[in-house]
N, C-alpha and C. Protein backbone atom coordinates (compact mmCIF):
# COMPACT_ATOMS: atom_id res chain seq x y z
N MET A 1 38.51 -50.16 5.06
CA MET A 1 37.33 -50.17 5.90
C MET A 1 36.81 -51.61 5.93
N ASN A 2 36.61 -52.13 7.13
CA ASN A 2 36.15 -53.52 7.22
C ASN A 2 34.62 -53.60 7.17
N TYR A 3 34.10 -54.80 7.17
CA TYR A 3 32.66 -55.05 7.01
C TYR A 3 31.85 -54.37 8.12
N ALA A 4 32.31 -54.44 9.35
CA ALA A 4 31.58 -53.85 10.48
C ALA A 4 31.48 -52.34 10.33
N GLN A 5 32.56 -51.70 9.91
CA GLN A 5 32.54 -50.25 9.71
C GLN A 5 31.62 -49.88 8.55
N GLN A 6 31.64 -50.66 7.48
CA GLN A 6 30.75 -50.40 6.35
C GLN A 6 29.29 -50.55 6.77
N GLU A 7 29.01 -51.59 7.54
CA GLU A 7 27.64 -51.84 8.01
C GLU A 7 27.18 -50.69 8.91
N GLU A 8 28.06 -50.21 9.76
CA GLU A 8 27.73 -49.10 10.66
C GLU A 8 27.46 -47.82 9.85
N ALA A 9 28.28 -47.56 8.84
CA ALA A 9 28.10 -46.38 7.99
C ALA A 9 26.78 -46.47 7.22
N ILE A 10 26.47 -47.67 6.72
CA ILE A 10 25.21 -47.86 5.99
C ILE A 10 24.02 -47.63 6.91
N LEU A 11 24.08 -48.19 8.11
CA LEU A 11 22.97 -48.02 9.06
C LEU A 11 22.81 -46.56 9.48
N ARG A 12 23.94 -45.86 9.66
CA ARG A 12 23.89 -44.44 10.02
C ARG A 12 23.25 -43.64 8.89
N MET A 13 23.64 -43.92 7.63
CA MET A 13 23.07 -43.23 6.48
C MET A 13 21.58 -43.55 6.36
N ARG A 14 21.21 -44.79 6.55
CA ARG A 14 19.80 -45.19 6.47
C ARG A 14 18.99 -44.46 7.54
N GLY A 15 19.53 -44.37 8.74
CA GLY A 15 18.85 -43.66 9.82
C GLY A 15 18.64 -42.19 9.48
N MET A 16 19.68 -41.57 8.91
CA MET A 16 19.56 -40.17 8.53
C MET A 16 18.51 -39.99 7.44
N LEU A 17 18.49 -40.87 6.46
CA LEU A 17 17.50 -40.79 5.38
C LEU A 17 16.08 -41.01 5.92
N GLU A 18 15.91 -41.96 6.83
CA GLU A 18 14.59 -42.20 7.42
C GLU A 18 14.12 -40.99 8.22
N ASP A 19 15.05 -40.38 8.98
CA ASP A 19 14.70 -39.17 9.74
C ASP A 19 14.29 -38.03 8.81
N GLU A 20 15.05 -37.87 7.73
CA GLU A 20 14.74 -36.81 6.76
C GLU A 20 13.38 -37.05 6.12
N THR A 21 13.09 -38.29 5.77
CA THR A 21 11.80 -38.64 5.16
C THR A 21 10.67 -38.41 6.16
N ALA A 22 10.87 -38.79 7.40
CA ALA A 22 9.84 -38.59 8.42
C ALA A 22 9.57 -37.10 8.62
N GLN A 23 10.63 -36.29 8.61
CA GLN A 23 10.47 -34.84 8.77
C GLN A 23 9.71 -34.24 7.59
N ARG A 24 10.05 -34.67 6.38
CA ARG A 24 9.34 -34.19 5.19
C ARG A 24 7.86 -34.56 5.25
N LYS A 25 7.59 -35.80 5.67
CA LYS A 25 6.20 -36.25 5.77
C LYS A 25 5.44 -35.43 6.81
N ALA A 26 6.06 -35.19 7.96
CA ALA A 26 5.42 -34.38 9.00
C ALA A 26 5.16 -32.96 8.50
N ASP A 27 6.14 -32.38 7.81
CA ASP A 27 5.96 -31.03 7.25
C ASP A 27 4.82 -31.00 6.24
N HIS A 28 4.75 -32.02 5.40
CA HIS A 28 3.70 -32.09 4.39
C HIS A 28 2.33 -32.23 5.06
N GLN A 29 2.23 -33.08 6.07
CA GLN A 29 0.97 -33.25 6.79
C GLN A 29 0.55 -31.94 7.47
N ARG A 30 1.50 -31.23 8.04
CA ARG A 30 1.22 -29.95 8.69
C ARG A 30 0.73 -28.93 7.65
N MET A 31 1.36 -28.93 6.47
CA MET A 31 0.96 -28.03 5.40
C MET A 31 -0.47 -28.34 4.94
N ILE A 32 -0.79 -29.61 4.80
CA ILE A 32 -2.14 -30.01 4.40
C ILE A 32 -3.15 -29.59 5.46
N ALA A 33 -2.82 -29.82 6.73
CA ALA A 33 -3.73 -29.43 7.82
C ALA A 33 -3.96 -27.92 7.83
N ASP A 34 -2.91 -27.14 7.63
CA ASP A 34 -3.05 -25.69 7.59
C ASP A 34 -3.92 -25.25 6.41
N GLU A 35 -3.73 -25.88 5.26
CA GLU A 35 -4.54 -25.56 4.09
C GLU A 35 -6.00 -25.91 4.33
N ASN A 36 -6.25 -27.05 4.94
CA ASN A 36 -7.63 -27.45 5.25
C ASN A 36 -8.29 -26.46 6.21
N LYS A 37 -7.53 -26.00 7.21
CA LYS A 37 -8.06 -25.02 8.16
C LYS A 37 -8.40 -23.71 7.44
N ARG A 38 -7.51 -23.29 6.54
CA ARG A 38 -7.75 -22.05 5.79
C ARG A 38 -9.00 -22.18 4.93
N MET A 39 -9.14 -23.31 4.24
CA MET A 39 -10.31 -23.51 3.40
C MET A 39 -11.59 -23.56 4.24
N ALA A 40 -11.52 -24.15 5.43
CA ALA A 40 -12.69 -24.20 6.30
C ALA A 40 -13.08 -22.80 6.77
N ARG A 41 -12.07 -21.98 7.11
CA ARG A 41 -12.36 -20.59 7.52
C ARG A 41 -13.02 -19.83 6.38
N GLU A 42 -12.49 -19.99 5.17
CA GLU A 42 -13.08 -19.29 4.02
C GLU A 42 -14.51 -19.76 3.76
N LYS A 43 -14.74 -21.05 3.90
CA LYS A 43 -16.09 -21.59 3.69
C LYS A 43 -17.05 -21.02 4.74
N ARG A 44 -16.63 -20.98 6.00
CA ARG A 44 -17.50 -20.40 7.05
C ARG A 44 -17.78 -18.93 6.76
N ALA A 45 -16.77 -18.20 6.30
CA ALA A 45 -16.97 -16.77 5.98
C ALA A 45 -17.95 -16.61 4.82
N ARG A 46 -17.82 -17.44 3.78
CA ARG A 46 -18.75 -17.38 2.65
C ARG A 46 -20.17 -17.70 3.09
N GLU A 47 -20.31 -18.75 3.91
CA GLU A 47 -21.64 -19.13 4.38
C GLU A 47 -22.26 -18.04 5.24
N GLN A 48 -21.44 -17.41 6.09
CA GLN A 48 -21.94 -16.31 6.94
C GLN A 48 -22.36 -15.14 6.07
N ALA A 49 -21.56 -14.80 5.06
CA ALA A 49 -21.91 -13.69 4.17
C ALA A 49 -23.20 -14.00 3.42
N GLN A 50 -23.36 -15.25 3.01
CA GLN A 50 -24.59 -15.63 2.31
C GLN A 50 -25.80 -15.52 3.24
N ARG A 51 -25.66 -15.97 4.49
CA ARG A 51 -26.76 -15.84 5.45
C ARG A 51 -27.12 -14.38 5.69
N GLU A 52 -26.09 -13.54 5.84
CA GLU A 52 -26.35 -12.11 6.06
C GLU A 52 -27.02 -11.48 4.84
N ASP A 53 -26.59 -11.86 3.64
CA ASP A 53 -27.20 -11.34 2.42
C ASP A 53 -28.66 -11.78 2.31
N GLU A 54 -28.92 -13.04 2.64
CA GLU A 54 -30.30 -13.53 2.61
C GLU A 54 -31.17 -12.78 3.62
N GLU A 55 -30.59 -12.50 4.79
CA GLU A 55 -31.34 -11.76 5.81
C GLU A 55 -31.65 -10.34 5.33
N ARG A 56 -30.67 -9.68 4.70
CA ARG A 56 -30.92 -8.33 4.17
C ARG A 56 -31.99 -8.38 3.08
N THR A 57 -31.92 -9.39 2.23
CA THR A 57 -32.92 -9.54 1.17
C THR A 57 -34.30 -9.76 1.78
N ASN A 58 -34.37 -10.61 2.78
CA ASN A 58 -35.65 -10.87 3.44
C ASN A 58 -36.19 -9.60 4.09
N GLN A 59 -35.31 -8.82 4.72
CA GLN A 59 -35.74 -7.57 5.35
C GLN A 59 -36.27 -6.60 4.29
N ALA A 60 -35.58 -6.52 3.16
CA ALA A 60 -36.01 -5.62 2.08
C ALA A 60 -37.35 -6.07 1.52
N GLU A 61 -37.51 -7.38 1.33
CA GLU A 61 -38.78 -7.89 0.81
C GLU A 61 -39.92 -7.62 1.79
N THR A 62 -39.65 -7.81 3.07
CA THR A 62 -40.66 -7.54 4.09
C THR A 62 -41.03 -6.07 4.09
N THR A 63 -40.03 -5.22 4.01
CA THR A 63 -40.28 -3.78 3.98
C THR A 63 -41.10 -3.40 2.75
N LEU A 64 -40.79 -4.00 1.61
CA LEU A 64 -41.50 -3.66 0.38
C LEU A 64 -42.95 -4.15 0.41
N THR A 65 -43.23 -5.22 1.08
CA THR A 65 -44.60 -5.71 1.14
C THR A 65 -45.43 -4.94 2.14
N VAL A 66 -44.80 -4.36 3.16
CA VAL A 66 -45.53 -3.62 4.19
C VAL A 66 -45.69 -2.15 3.79
N HIS A 67 -44.71 -1.59 3.09
CA HIS A 67 -44.72 -0.18 2.74
C HIS A 67 -44.69 -0.02 1.22
N PRO A 68 -45.28 1.05 0.70
CA PRO A 68 -45.26 1.27 -0.76
C PRO A 68 -43.91 1.83 -1.19
N GLU A 69 -42.92 0.97 -1.29
CA GLU A 69 -41.58 1.39 -1.69
C GLU A 69 -41.13 0.54 -2.86
N GLU A 70 -40.09 1.02 -3.53
CA GLU A 70 -39.53 0.29 -4.66
C GLU A 70 -38.06 -0.01 -4.40
N LEU A 71 -37.67 -1.21 -4.70
CA LEU A 71 -36.26 -1.59 -4.60
C LEU A 71 -35.59 -1.24 -5.91
N GLN A 72 -34.62 -0.34 -5.86
CA GLN A 72 -33.92 0.12 -7.06
C GLN A 72 -32.85 -0.90 -7.46
N MET A 73 -32.38 -0.79 -8.69
CA MET A 73 -31.35 -1.71 -9.19
C MET A 73 -30.04 -1.59 -8.42
N ASP A 74 -29.76 -0.40 -7.85
CA ASP A 74 -28.51 -0.22 -7.10
C ASP A 74 -28.63 -0.70 -5.66
N GLY A 75 -29.77 -1.29 -5.30
CA GLY A 75 -29.94 -1.84 -3.96
C GLY A 75 -30.59 -0.88 -2.98
N THR A 76 -30.83 0.35 -3.38
CA THR A 76 -31.47 1.31 -2.48
C THR A 76 -32.98 1.14 -2.56
N ILE A 77 -33.64 1.60 -1.53
CA ILE A 77 -35.09 1.52 -1.47
C ILE A 77 -35.65 2.93 -1.60
N ARG A 78 -36.60 3.12 -2.53
CA ARG A 78 -37.18 4.44 -2.78
C ARG A 78 -38.64 4.41 -2.37
N ARG A 79 -39.02 5.34 -1.52
CA ARG A 79 -40.41 5.44 -1.08
C ARG A 79 -41.18 6.34 -2.05
N ASN A 80 -42.29 5.85 -2.51
CA ASN A 80 -43.14 6.60 -3.41
C ASN A 80 -43.99 7.56 -2.56
N MET A 81 -43.72 8.82 -2.64
CA MET A 81 -44.40 9.82 -1.81
C MET A 81 -45.83 10.09 -2.26
N PHE A 82 -46.14 9.72 -3.49
CA PHE A 82 -47.47 9.99 -4.02
C PHE A 82 -48.24 8.71 -4.25
N ALA A 83 -48.14 7.77 -3.29
CA ALA A 83 -48.83 6.49 -3.43
C ALA A 83 -50.32 6.70 -3.34
N ASP A 84 -51.06 5.89 -4.06
CA ASP A 84 -52.52 6.01 -4.07
C ASP A 84 -53.14 5.46 -2.81
């Protein structure tokens, strides 16, 4: 094998390695982007659940201040039928 053939083989191998590295990098970037999207979705869901929970708590507190009821430990509201 002469010098020109060796140089061509080396360049071909280098090109293949660069392509493989570029593909791995693109796959890794895509994986990171997908993970970030998943984490953002989970964060939005947690924040929405927290807002809904706060709203339910606020509604229960409002109900308890307007009506003679008791908030039980299990989350139910009990109306005192014999309020003074």
